[in-house]
Amino acid sequence: MNWKLLFLTLAGSIGAAQASEPAYPLLDGRCDEYQRVGAEVVAEDDTISVLLFQDADYVWLCYALPEDSYGTLDLLVDSPGLADPINLHVSARLGEWRAGHRDEGTQESRSDRWWKIHGWWSNAARWNGMRETDEGPRPGFLRSEGRELQLSKARFGRGTWGLNFSIGGVRDADGELKQIVLPSEEGGRIVVEIF
């Protein structure tokens, strides 16, 4: 028996096997797999739909963006695992601070307070080199397809979560960048049950 030929035949069969569909979203800023994994729409307006998927340990949130948008995010989370509601910030940097205490965050881009996060992650705005402006060189960013977050139930807890989304840099039908607030009602919040 030609063992080399048998080995090559088996290796080819294994390589040709179909990869199974992932059971969880990949944290890549794309929402196309959320429908397949059974996500639910938890908030929407004419421009944005926020999708939520959860398993025993994590909660994923994703929203696709209109073309030529950035989709920065300030997400207020009020959940059983937190002593106080917190703001999760996603732009070119990730940060967090107690809701209503922006001073705990920072406006300074070089501050070491950025990236001090715990129990969550998101795809950040993608830096793309420097560009020349009338005011001198400025950082350039690529537009985003979507924003995606993964939050740990170990930190945020199980039970009723209250969410408020403030999504910036969204291109509207007139070509203007705008901010979308979900829910749109003043003082409202999106309520989701986390098992």
N, C-alpha and C. Protein backbone atom coordinates (compact mmCIF):
# COMPACT_ATOMS: atom_id res chain seq x y z
N MET A 1 0.85 -1.18 0.00
CA MET A 1 0.00 0.00 0.00
C MET A 1 0.89 1.24 0.00
N ASN A 2 0.49 2.22 -0.77
CA ASN A 2 1.24 3.46 -0.85
C ASN A 2 0.73 4.42 0.23
N TRP A 3 1.43 4.45 1.36
CA TRP A 3 1.02 5.27 2.51
C TRP A 3 1.06 6.76 2.21
N LYS A 4 2.02 7.13 1.40
CA LYS A 4 2.14 8.55 1.05
C LYS A 4 0.90 9.01 0.28
N LEU A 5 0.45 8.20 -0.67
CA LEU A 5 -0.74 8.54 -1.46
C LEU A 5 -1.98 8.57 -0.57
N LEU A 6 -2.09 7.58 0.34
CA LEU A 6 -3.23 7.55 1.26
C LEU A 6 -3.24 8.79 2.14
N PHE A 7 -2.08 9.17 2.67
CA PHE A 7 -1.99 10.35 3.52
C PHE A 7 -2.40 11.61 2.76
N LEU A 8 -1.91 11.78 1.55
CA LEU A 8 -2.26 12.96 0.74
C LEU A 8 -3.74 12.98 0.41
N THR A 9 -4.33 11.83 0.15
CA THR A 9 -5.77 11.75 -0.13
C THR A 9 -6.57 12.16 1.09
N LEU A 10 -6.20 11.64 2.26
CA LEU A 10 -6.90 12.02 3.49
C LEU A 10 -6.73 13.50 3.81
N ALA A 11 -5.53 14.02 3.63
CA ALA A 11 -5.27 15.44 3.89
C ALA A 11 -6.12 16.30 2.96
N GLY A 12 -6.23 15.92 1.72
CA GLY A 12 -7.06 16.67 0.77
C GLY A 12 -8.53 16.64 1.15
N SER A 13 -9.00 15.49 1.66
CA SER A 13 -10.40 15.37 2.07
C SER A 13 -10.69 16.26 3.27
N ILE A 14 -9.75 16.28 4.21
CA ILE A 14 -9.94 17.12 5.40
C ILE A 14 -9.93 18.59 5.01
N GLY A 15 -9.01 18.98 4.13
CA GLY A 15 -8.93 20.38 3.71
C GLY A 15 -10.14 20.82 2.92
N ALA A 16 -10.80 19.88 2.23
CA ALA A 16 -11.95 20.23 1.41
C ALA A 16 -13.25 20.28 2.21
N ALA A 17 -13.22 19.81 3.46
CA ALA A 17 -14.42 19.80 4.29
C ALA A 17 -14.88 21.24 4.54
N GLN A 18 -16.16 21.44 4.56
CA GLN A 18 -16.73 22.75 4.80
C GLN A 18 -16.51 23.18 6.24
N ALA A 19 -16.06 24.38 6.43
CA ALA A 19 -15.96 24.92 7.78
C ALA A 19 -17.36 25.19 8.29
N SER A 20 -17.62 24.89 9.55
CA SER A 20 -18.95 25.14 10.10
C SER A 20 -19.14 26.63 10.34
N GLU A 21 -20.38 27.05 10.33
CA GLU A 21 -20.71 28.44 10.61
C GLU A 21 -20.43 28.74 12.07
N PRO A 22 -19.80 29.86 12.38
CA PRO A 22 -19.55 30.19 13.79
C PRO A 22 -20.86 30.39 14.55
N ALA A 23 -20.85 29.99 15.80
CA ALA A 23 -22.04 30.11 16.64
C ALA A 23 -22.11 31.47 17.32
N TYR A 24 -21.04 32.27 17.20
CA TYR A 24 -20.98 33.57 17.87
C TYR A 24 -20.50 34.63 16.90
N PRO A 25 -20.88 35.88 17.13
CA PRO A 25 -20.38 36.96 16.28
C PRO A 25 -18.87 37.16 16.48
N LEU A 26 -18.22 37.55 15.42
CA LEU A 26 -16.81 37.92 15.48
C LEU A 26 -16.75 39.42 15.72
N LEU A 27 -15.97 39.88 16.64
CA LEU A 27 -15.90 41.29 17.02
C LEU A 27 -15.09 42.07 15.98
N ASP A 28 -15.69 42.26 14.80
CA ASP A 28 -14.99 42.86 13.67
C ASP A 28 -15.69 44.10 13.11
N GLY A 29 -16.76 44.56 13.77
CA GLY A 29 -17.45 45.74 13.30
C GLY A 29 -18.40 45.48 12.15
N ARG A 30 -18.74 44.23 11.91
CA ARG A 30 -19.71 43.87 10.88
C ARG A 30 -20.88 43.16 11.55
N CYS A 31 -22.08 43.47 11.12
CA CYS A 31 -23.28 42.91 11.75
C CYS A 31 -23.93 41.82 10.91
N ASP A 32 -23.33 41.42 9.79
CA ASP A 32 -24.00 40.51 8.88
C ASP A 32 -24.26 39.13 9.45
N GLU A 33 -23.54 38.68 10.47
CA GLU A 33 -23.78 37.36 11.04
C GLU A 33 -24.82 37.36 12.15
N TYR A 34 -25.29 38.50 12.58
CA TYR A 34 -26.19 38.57 13.74
C TYR A 34 -27.54 37.92 13.48
N GLN A 35 -28.09 38.08 12.31
CA GLN A 35 -29.38 37.45 12.01
C GLN A 35 -29.23 35.93 12.06
N ARG A 36 -28.13 35.42 11.51
CA ARG A 36 -27.90 33.98 11.48
C ARG A 36 -27.79 33.37 12.88
N VAL A 37 -27.22 34.10 13.83
CA VAL A 37 -27.05 33.57 15.18
C VAL A 37 -28.25 33.84 16.08
N GLY A 38 -29.30 34.47 15.55
CA GLY A 38 -30.53 34.67 16.31
C GLY A 38 -30.58 35.94 17.14
N ALA A 39 -29.88 36.98 16.73
CA ALA A 39 -29.91 38.25 17.47
C ALA A 39 -31.27 38.91 17.35
N GLU A 40 -31.56 39.79 18.31
CA GLU A 40 -32.81 40.54 18.28
C GLU A 40 -32.51 42.03 18.12
N VAL A 41 -33.44 42.75 17.50
CA VAL A 41 -33.33 44.20 17.39
C VAL A 41 -33.84 44.78 18.70
N VAL A 42 -33.00 45.58 19.38
CA VAL A 42 -33.40 46.16 20.66
C VAL A 42 -33.66 47.66 20.58
N ALA A 43 -33.22 48.30 19.49
CA ALA A 43 -33.46 49.73 19.30
C ALA A 43 -33.29 50.04 17.82
N GLU A 44 -34.07 51.00 17.34
CA GLU A 44 -33.90 51.40 15.95
C GLU A 44 -34.56 52.75 15.69
N ASP A 45 -34.06 53.39 14.65
CA ASP A 45 -34.70 54.57 14.09
C ASP A 45 -34.63 54.41 12.57
N ASP A 46 -34.82 55.48 11.82
CA ASP A 46 -34.81 55.38 10.36
C ASP A 46 -33.43 55.01 9.80
N THR A 47 -32.37 55.20 10.58
CA THR A 47 -31.01 55.03 10.08
C THR A 47 -30.29 53.83 10.69
N ILE A 48 -30.48 53.58 11.96
CA ILE A 48 -29.69 52.59 12.72
C ILE A 48 -30.61 51.56 13.37
N SER A 49 -30.19 50.30 13.33
CA SER A 49 -30.83 49.23 14.11
C SER A 49 -29.75 48.61 14.99
N VAL A 50 -30.01 48.56 16.29
CA VAL A 50 -29.07 47.97 17.24
C VAL A 50 -29.50 46.53 17.47
N LEU A 51 -28.57 45.61 17.24
CA LEU A 51 -28.82 44.18 17.40
C LEU A 51 -28.15 43.69 18.68
N LEU A 52 -28.78 42.75 19.37
CA LEU A 52 -28.24 42.18 20.60
C LEU A 52 -28.25 40.67 20.50
N PHE A 53 -27.14 40.05 20.87
CA PHE A 53 -27.02 38.60 20.97
C PHE A 53 -26.35 38.31 22.30
N GLN A 54 -26.77 37.22 22.96
CA GLN A 54 -26.14 36.86 24.22
C GLN A 54 -26.00 35.35 24.34
N ASP A 55 -25.00 34.94 25.10
CA ASP A 55 -24.85 33.55 25.49
C ASP A 55 -24.74 33.53 27.01
N ALA A 56 -24.24 32.46 27.57
CA ALA A 56 -24.19 32.34 29.04
C ALA A 56 -23.25 33.35 29.68
N ASP A 57 -22.25 33.84 28.92
CA ASP A 57 -21.22 34.68 29.53
C ASP A 57 -21.13 36.10 29.00
N TYR A 58 -21.61 36.36 27.78
CA TYR A 58 -21.38 37.65 27.14
C TYR A 58 -22.63 38.18 26.45
N VAL A 59 -22.63 39.49 26.25
CA VAL A 59 -23.64 40.19 25.46
C VAL A 59 -22.90 40.90 24.34
N TRP A 60 -23.38 40.73 23.11
CA TRP A 60 -22.83 41.44 21.95
C TRP A 60 -23.87 42.45 21.47
N LEU A 61 -23.42 43.63 21.11
CA LEU A 61 -24.26 44.67 20.52
C LEU A 61 -23.62 45.09 19.21
N CYS A 62 -24.43 45.33 18.18
CA CYS A 62 -23.87 45.74 16.89
C CYS A 62 -24.88 46.63 16.17
N TYR A 63 -24.37 47.65 15.49
CA TYR A 63 -25.21 48.43 14.59
C TYR A 63 -24.42 48.73 13.32
N ALA A 64 -25.06 48.47 12.18
CA ALA A 64 -24.47 48.80 10.89
C ALA A 64 -24.66 50.29 10.64
N LEU A 65 -23.73 50.88 9.90
CA LEU A 65 -23.75 52.32 9.66
C LEU A 65 -23.99 52.63 8.19
N PRO A 66 -24.62 53.77 7.91
CA PRO A 66 -24.72 54.21 6.52
C PRO A 66 -23.32 54.45 5.95
N GLU A 67 -23.21 54.37 4.66
CA GLU A 67 -21.93 54.59 4.00
C GLU A 67 -21.34 55.94 4.39
N ASP A 68 -20.03 55.98 4.52
CA ASP A 68 -19.28 57.20 4.80
C ASP A 68 -19.54 57.74 6.21
N SER A 69 -19.76 56.83 7.18
CA SER A 69 -20.01 57.21 8.57
C SER A 69 -18.88 56.73 9.46
N TYR A 70 -18.81 57.32 10.66
CA TYR A 70 -17.82 56.93 11.65
C TYR A 70 -18.43 56.09 12.77
N GLY A 71 -19.59 56.51 13.28
CA GLY A 71 -20.30 55.74 14.29
C GLY A 71 -19.66 55.68 15.65
N THR A 72 -19.09 56.80 16.12
CA THR A 72 -18.56 56.83 17.48
C THR A 72 -19.70 56.58 18.46
N LEU A 73 -19.38 56.21 19.67
CA LEU A 73 -20.44 55.80 20.59
C LEU A 73 -20.14 56.23 22.02
N ASP A 74 -21.19 56.72 22.67
CA ASP A 74 -21.25 56.82 24.12
C ASP A 74 -22.46 55.99 24.52
N LEU A 75 -22.22 54.90 25.23
CA LEU A 75 -23.27 53.98 25.65
C LEU A 75 -23.40 54.04 27.15
N LEU A 76 -24.54 54.50 27.63
CA LEU A 76 -24.81 54.50 29.06
C LEU A 76 -25.40 53.14 29.41
N VAL A 77 -24.79 52.47 30.38
CA VAL A 77 -25.24 51.15 30.83
C VAL A 77 -25.59 51.23 32.31
N ASP A 78 -26.82 50.83 32.63
CA ASP A 78 -27.28 50.72 34.02
C ASP A 78 -27.67 49.25 34.20
N SER A 79 -26.89 48.51 34.97
CA SER A 79 -27.13 47.08 35.08
C SER A 79 -26.90 46.60 36.52
N PRO A 80 -27.42 45.41 36.87
CA PRO A 80 -27.31 44.91 38.24
C PRO A 80 -25.88 44.73 38.75
N GLY A 81 -24.91 44.52 37.88
CA GLY A 81 -23.55 44.30 38.32
C GLY A 81 -22.77 45.56 38.61
N LEU A 82 -23.36 46.72 38.34
CA LEU A 82 -22.66 48.00 38.52
C LEU A 82 -23.20 48.75 39.73
N ALA A 83 -22.31 49.33 40.50
CA ALA A 83 -22.74 50.16 41.64
C ALA A 83 -23.43 51.42 41.14
N ASP A 84 -22.92 52.00 40.06
CA ASP A 84 -23.48 53.19 39.43
C ASP A 84 -23.52 52.96 37.93
N PRO A 85 -24.47 53.57 37.21
CA PRO A 85 -24.44 53.46 35.75
C PRO A 85 -23.13 54.03 35.21
N ILE A 86 -22.64 53.45 34.12
CA ILE A 86 -21.39 53.93 33.53
C ILE A 86 -21.60 54.26 32.05
N ASN A 87 -20.69 55.10 31.56
CA ASN A 87 -20.64 55.46 30.15
C ASN A 87 -19.47 54.71 29.52
N LEU A 88 -19.76 53.97 28.46
CA LEU A 88 -18.72 53.31 27.69
C LEU A 88 -18.50 54.16 26.44
N HIS A 89 -17.28 54.60 26.23
CA HIS A 89 -16.95 55.50 25.12
C HIS A 89 -16.13 54.75 24.07
N VAL A 90 -16.58 54.89 22.81
CA VAL A 90 -15.87 54.28 21.69
C VAL A 90 -15.67 55.33 20.61
N SER A 91 -14.42 55.63 20.32
CA SER A 91 -14.06 56.50 19.19
C SER A 91 -12.75 55.91 18.66
N ALA A 92 -11.72 56.72 18.53
CA ALA A 92 -10.40 56.18 18.21
C ALA A 92 -9.78 55.54 19.45
N ARG A 93 -10.39 55.78 20.60
CA ARG A 93 -9.95 55.22 21.87
C ARG A 93 -11.16 54.66 22.60
N LEU A 94 -10.89 53.77 23.52
CA LEU A 94 -11.94 53.24 24.39
C LEU A 94 -11.72 53.81 25.78
N GLY A 95 -12.83 54.12 26.44
CA GLY A 95 -12.76 54.62 27.81
C GLY A 95 -14.07 54.39 28.53
N GLU A 96 -14.05 54.55 29.83
CA GLU A 96 -15.27 54.41 30.62
C GLU A 96 -15.20 55.32 31.83
N TRP A 97 -16.37 55.76 32.27
CA TRP A 97 -16.49 56.58 33.48
C TRP A 97 -17.91 56.49 33.98
N ARG A 98 -18.12 56.86 35.25
CA ARG A 98 -19.48 56.86 35.79
C ARG A 98 -20.34 57.85 35.01
N ALA A 99 -21.57 57.45 34.73
CA ALA A 99 -22.49 58.32 34.00
C ALA A 99 -22.64 59.64 34.74
N GLY A 100 -22.60 60.73 34.00
CA GLY A 100 -22.72 62.05 34.60
C GLY A 100 -21.42 62.57 35.19
N HIS A 101 -20.33 61.84 35.04
CA HIS A 101 -19.03 62.24 35.59
C HIS A 101 -17.99 62.23 34.49
N ARG A 102 -18.21 63.01 33.46
CA ARG A 102 -17.29 63.06 32.32
C ARG A 102 -15.88 63.41 32.76
N ASP A 103 -15.75 64.13 33.87
CA ASP A 103 -14.43 64.50 34.38
C ASP A 103 -13.60 63.28 34.78
N GLU A 104 -14.25 62.13 35.02
CA GLU A 104 -13.52 60.90 35.32
C GLU A 104 -12.88 60.32 34.06
N GLY A 105 -13.40 60.72 32.92
CA GLY A 105 -12.79 60.37 31.65
C GLY A 105 -11.74 61.41 31.35
N THR A 106 -11.50 61.68 30.10
CA THR A 106 -10.53 62.70 29.75
C THR A 106 -10.83 63.26 28.38
N GLN A 107 -10.48 64.51 28.18
CA GLN A 107 -10.55 65.13 26.87
C GLN A 107 -9.17 65.10 26.21
N GLU A 108 -8.14 64.88 27.00
CA GLU A 108 -6.77 64.90 26.51
C GLU A 108 -6.46 63.61 25.76
N SER A 109 -6.06 63.72 24.50
CA SER A 109 -5.84 62.53 23.68
C SER A 109 -4.67 61.68 24.15
N ARG A 110 -3.70 62.26 24.82
CA ARG A 110 -2.53 61.49 25.26
C ARG A 110 -2.64 61.00 26.70
N SER A 111 -3.77 61.17 27.30
CA SER A 111 -3.94 60.78 28.70
C SER A 111 -3.82 59.27 28.87
N ASP A 112 -3.26 58.87 30.00
CA ASP A 112 -3.20 57.44 30.30
C ASP A 112 -4.51 56.91 30.87
N ARG A 113 -5.54 57.76 30.96
CA ARG A 113 -6.86 57.31 31.41
C ARG A 113 -7.59 56.54 30.31
N TRP A 114 -7.21 56.76 29.05
CA TRP A 114 -7.80 55.99 27.96
C TRP A 114 -7.36 54.54 28.07
N TRP A 115 -8.17 53.66 27.58
CA TRP A 115 -7.90 52.22 27.50
C TRP A 115 -7.91 51.54 28.87
N LYS A 116 -8.35 52.27 29.90
CA LYS A 116 -8.52 51.63 31.21
C LYS A 116 -9.98 51.20 31.30
N ILE A 117 -10.24 50.05 30.71
CA ILE A 117 -11.59 49.52 30.66
C ILE A 117 -11.57 48.13 31.27
N HIS A 118 -12.75 47.66 31.65
CA HIS A 118 -12.83 46.36 32.31
C HIS A 118 -14.12 45.66 31.89
N GLY A 119 -14.01 44.43 31.40
CA GLY A 119 -15.18 43.60 31.14
C GLY A 119 -15.91 43.90 29.84
N TRP A 120 -15.29 44.65 28.93
CA TRP A 120 -15.92 44.92 27.64
C TRP A 120 -14.86 45.30 26.61
N TRP A 121 -15.26 45.23 25.35
CA TRP A 121 -14.37 45.60 24.26
C TRP A 121 -15.23 46.03 23.07
N SER A 122 -14.63 46.82 22.20
CA SER A 122 -15.29 47.26 20.97
C SER A 122 -14.26 47.49 19.89
N ASN A 123 -14.70 47.42 18.65
CA ASN A 123 -13.83 47.86 17.56
C ASN A 123 -13.82 49.39 17.59
N ALA A 124 -12.64 49.97 17.62
CA ALA A 124 -12.50 51.43 17.67
C ALA A 124 -12.47 51.99 16.26
N ALA A 125 -12.62 53.32 16.14
CA ALA A 125 -12.46 53.99 14.85
C ALA A 125 -11.04 53.71 14.35
N ARG A 126 -10.91 53.45 13.07
CA ARG A 126 -9.63 53.00 12.52
C ARG A 126 -8.78 54.17 12.04
N TRP A 127 -7.67 54.38 12.73
CA TRP A 127 -6.72 55.43 12.37
C TRP A 127 -6.10 55.08 11.03
N ASN A 128 -5.91 56.09 10.16
CA ASN A 128 -5.39 55.85 8.82
C ASN A 128 -4.38 56.92 8.43
N GLY A 129 -3.38 57.14 9.28
CA GLY A 129 -2.32 58.09 8.97
C GLY A 129 -2.72 59.53 9.19
N MET A 130 -1.86 60.41 8.77
CA MET A 130 -2.09 61.85 8.95
C MET A 130 -2.55 62.45 7.63
N ARG A 131 -3.34 63.52 7.73
CA ARG A 131 -3.77 64.25 6.54
C ARG A 131 -3.51 65.73 6.76
N GLU A 132 -3.23 66.42 5.69
CA GLU A 132 -2.95 67.87 5.77
C GLU A 132 -4.26 68.65 5.76
N THR A 133 -4.38 69.61 6.65
CA THR A 133 -5.53 70.51 6.69
C THR A 133 -5.00 71.94 6.72
N ASP A 134 -5.89 72.92 6.64
CA ASP A 134 -5.50 74.32 6.75
C ASP A 134 -4.87 74.62 8.11
N GLU A 135 -5.24 73.84 9.13
CA GLU A 135 -4.69 74.02 10.48
C GLU A 135 -3.44 73.17 10.72
N GLY A 136 -2.95 72.50 9.70
CA GLY A 136 -1.78 71.64 9.85
C GLY A 136 -2.17 70.17 9.81
N PRO A 137 -1.21 69.28 10.10
CA PRO A 137 -1.49 67.85 10.03
C PRO A 137 -2.51 67.42 11.09
N ARG A 138 -3.43 66.56 10.67
CA ARG A 138 -4.45 66.01 11.56
C ARG A 138 -4.55 64.51 11.31
N PRO A 139 -4.93 63.74 12.35
CA PRO A 139 -5.10 62.31 12.12
C PRO A 139 -6.26 62.05 11.16
N GLY A 140 -6.10 61.04 10.34
CA GLY A 140 -7.16 60.63 9.44
C GLY A 140 -7.76 59.31 9.90
N PHE A 141 -9.03 59.12 9.65
CA PHE A 141 -9.73 57.90 10.06
C PHE A 141 -10.51 57.34 8.90
N LEU A 142 -10.56 56.01 8.83
CA LEU A 142 -11.39 55.35 7.85
C LEU A 142 -12.82 55.33 8.34
N ARG A 143 -13.75 55.39 7.42
CA ARG A 143 -15.16 55.26 7.78
C ARG A 143 -15.38 53.82 8.24
N SER A 144 -16.45 53.58 8.98
CA SER A 144 -16.74 52.26 9.54
C SER A 144 -17.97 51.65 8.91
N GLU A 145 -17.98 50.32 8.79
CA GLU A 145 -19.19 49.60 8.37
C GLU A 145 -20.17 49.53 9.53
N GLY A 146 -19.64 49.37 10.74
CA GLY A 146 -20.49 49.24 11.91
C GLY A 146 -19.68 49.29 13.18
N ARG A 147 -20.37 49.35 14.27
CA ARG A 147 -19.74 49.35 15.59
C ARG A 147 -20.24 48.11 16.31
N GLU A 148 -19.35 47.45 17.01
CA GLU A 148 -19.69 46.20 17.68
C GLU A 148 -19.03 46.18 19.05
N LEU A 149 -19.78 45.73 20.05
CA LEU A 149 -19.27 45.64 21.42
C LEU A 149 -19.54 44.25 21.97
N GLN A 150 -18.68 43.83 22.89
CA GLN A 150 -18.89 42.60 23.65
C GLN A 150 -18.74 42.98 25.12
N LEU A 151 -19.76 42.65 25.92
CA LEU A 151 -19.77 42.98 27.34
C LEU A 151 -19.87 41.70 28.16
N SER A 152 -19.10 41.62 29.22
CA SER A 152 -19.06 40.45 30.08
C SER A 152 -20.17 40.50 31.13
N LYS A 153 -20.92 39.43 31.22
CA LYS A 153 -21.94 39.34 32.26
C LYS A 153 -21.31 39.24 33.65
N ALA A 154 -20.07 38.78 33.71
CA ALA A 154 -19.37 38.73 35.00
C ALA A 154 -19.22 40.13 35.59
N ARG A 155 -19.04 41.14 34.74
CA ARG A 155 -18.92 42.51 35.24
C ARG A 155 -20.27 43.20 35.32
N PHE A 156 -21.08 43.10 34.28
CA PHE A 156 -22.31 43.89 34.19
C PHE A 156 -23.51 43.22 34.84
N GLY A 157 -23.42 41.93 35.12
CA GLY A 157 -24.48 41.23 35.82
C GLY A 157 -25.60 40.74 34.92
N ARG A 158 -26.50 40.01 35.51
CA ARG A 158 -27.67 39.46 34.82
C ARG A 158 -28.92 40.13 35.37
N GLY A 159 -29.95 40.16 34.57
CA GLY A 159 -31.20 40.80 34.97
C GLY A 159 -31.55 41.90 34.00
N THR A 160 -32.16 42.95 34.48
CA THR A 160 -32.63 44.04 33.64
C THR A 160 -31.52 45.07 33.44
N TRP A 161 -31.18 45.31 32.18
CA TRP A 161 -30.21 46.35 31.82
C TRP A 161 -30.97 47.52 31.19
N GLY A 162 -30.54 48.73 31.52
CA GLY A 162 -31.02 49.93 30.86
C GLY A 162 -29.90 50.49 29.99
N LEU A 163 -30.19 50.78 28.72
CA LEU A 163 -29.19 51.25 27.77
C LEU A 163 -29.63 52.55 27.11
N ASN A 164 -28.68 53.45 26.90
CA ASN A 164 -28.89 54.67 26.12
C ASN A 164 -27.72 54.81 25.17
N PHE A 165 -28.01 54.96 23.89
CA PHE A 165 -26.99 55.07 22.85
C PHE A 165 -26.93 56.50 22.33
N SER A 166 -25.72 57.04 22.25
CA SER A 166 -25.48 58.31 21.57
C SER A 166 -24.42 58.01 20.51
N ILE A 167 -24.87 57.93 19.26
CA ILE A 167 -24.03 57.49 18.14
C ILE A 167 -23.70 58.69 17.28
N GLY A 168 -22.42 59.02 17.18
CA GLY A 168 -21.99 60.21 16.44
C GLY A 168 -21.37 59.88 15.10
N GLY A 169 -21.25 60.90 14.28
CA GLY A 169 -20.61 60.74 12.98
C GLY A 169 -21.37 59.87 12.03
N VAL A 170 -22.70 59.99 12.02
CA VAL A 170 -23.55 59.20 11.13
C VAL A 170 -23.96 60.08 9.95
N ARG A 171 -23.68 59.62 8.74
CA ARG A 171 -23.98 60.38 7.53
C ARG A 171 -25.46 60.21 7.19
N ASP A 172 -26.19 61.33 7.08
CA ASP A 172 -27.61 61.26 6.74
C ASP A 172 -27.81 61.34 5.22
N ALA A 173 -29.05 61.29 4.78
CA ALA A 173 -29.37 61.29 3.35
C ALA A 173 -28.92 62.57 2.65
N ASP A 174 -28.78 63.68 3.40
CA ASP A 174 -28.33 64.95 2.82
C ASP A 174 -26.81 65.07 2.83
N GLY A 175 -26.11 64.03 3.29
CA GLY A 175 -24.65 64.06 3.31
C GLY A 175 -24.05 64.71 4.54
N GLU A 176 -24.89 65.09 5.49
CA GLU A 176 -24.41 65.74 6.71
C GLU A 176 -24.12 64.70 7.79
N LEU A 177 -23.11 64.97 8.62
CA LEU A 177 -22.85 64.11 9.76
C LEU A 177 -23.76 64.52 10.91
N LYS A 178 -24.39 63.55 11.53
CA LYS A 178 -25.31 63.85 12.63
C LYS A 178 -25.10 62.87 13.77
N GLN A 179 -25.79 63.12 14.86
CA GLN A 179 -25.76 62.26 16.03
C GLN A 179 -27.13 61.63 16.18
N ILE A 180 -27.15 60.33 16.50
CA ILE A 180 -28.41 59.62 16.73
C ILE A 180 -28.45 59.23 18.20
N VAL A 181 -29.56 59.52 18.86
CA VAL A 181 -29.76 59.17 20.26
C VAL A 181 -30.89 58.15 20.32
N LEU A 182 -30.61 57.00 20.96
CA LEU A 182 -31.60 55.94 21.12
C LEU A 182 -31.69 55.57 22.59
N PRO A 183 -32.86 55.57 23.20
CA PRO A 183 -34.12 55.96 22.59
C PRO A 183 -34.18 57.48 22.42
N SER A 184 -35.06 57.91 21.54
CA SER A 184 -35.13 59.33 21.21
C SER A 184 -35.88 60.13 22.28
N GLU A 185 -36.68 59.47 23.11
CA GLU A 185 -37.44 60.19 24.14
C GLU A 185 -36.51 60.67 25.25
N GLU A 186 -36.68 61.89 25.66
CA GLU A 186 -35.89 62.46 26.76
C GLU A 186 -36.11 61.64 28.02
N GLY A 187 -35.04 61.18 28.66
CA GLY A 187 -35.14 60.43 29.89
C GLY A 187 -35.50 58.96 29.71
N GLY A 188 -35.73 58.53 28.49
CA GLY A 188 -36.08 57.14 28.25
C GLY A 188 -34.85 56.25 28.26
N ARG A 189 -35.07 54.96 28.26
CA ARG A 189 -33.97 54.02 28.15
C ARG A 189 -34.48 52.74 27.49
N ILE A 190 -33.57 52.04 26.88
CA ILE A 190 -33.87 50.76 26.26
C ILE A 190 -33.68 49.71 27.34
N VAL A 191 -34.70 48.92 27.57
CA VAL A 191 -34.66 47.91 28.62
C VAL A 191 -34.49 46.55 27.96
N VAL A 192 -33.47 45.82 28.40
CA VAL A 192 -33.23 44.46 27.88
C VAL A 192 -33.06 43.52 29.06
N GLU A 193 -33.52 42.29 28.88
CA GLU A 193 -33.37 41.26 29.90
C GLU A 193 -32.18 40.39 29.55
N ILE A 194 -31.25 40.31 30.47
CA ILE A 194 -30.03 39.53 30.28
C ILE A 194 -30.11 38.32 31.20
N PHE A 195 -30.09 37.12 30.60
CA PHE A 195 -30.23 35.89 31.39
C PHE A 195 -28.91 35.44 31.99
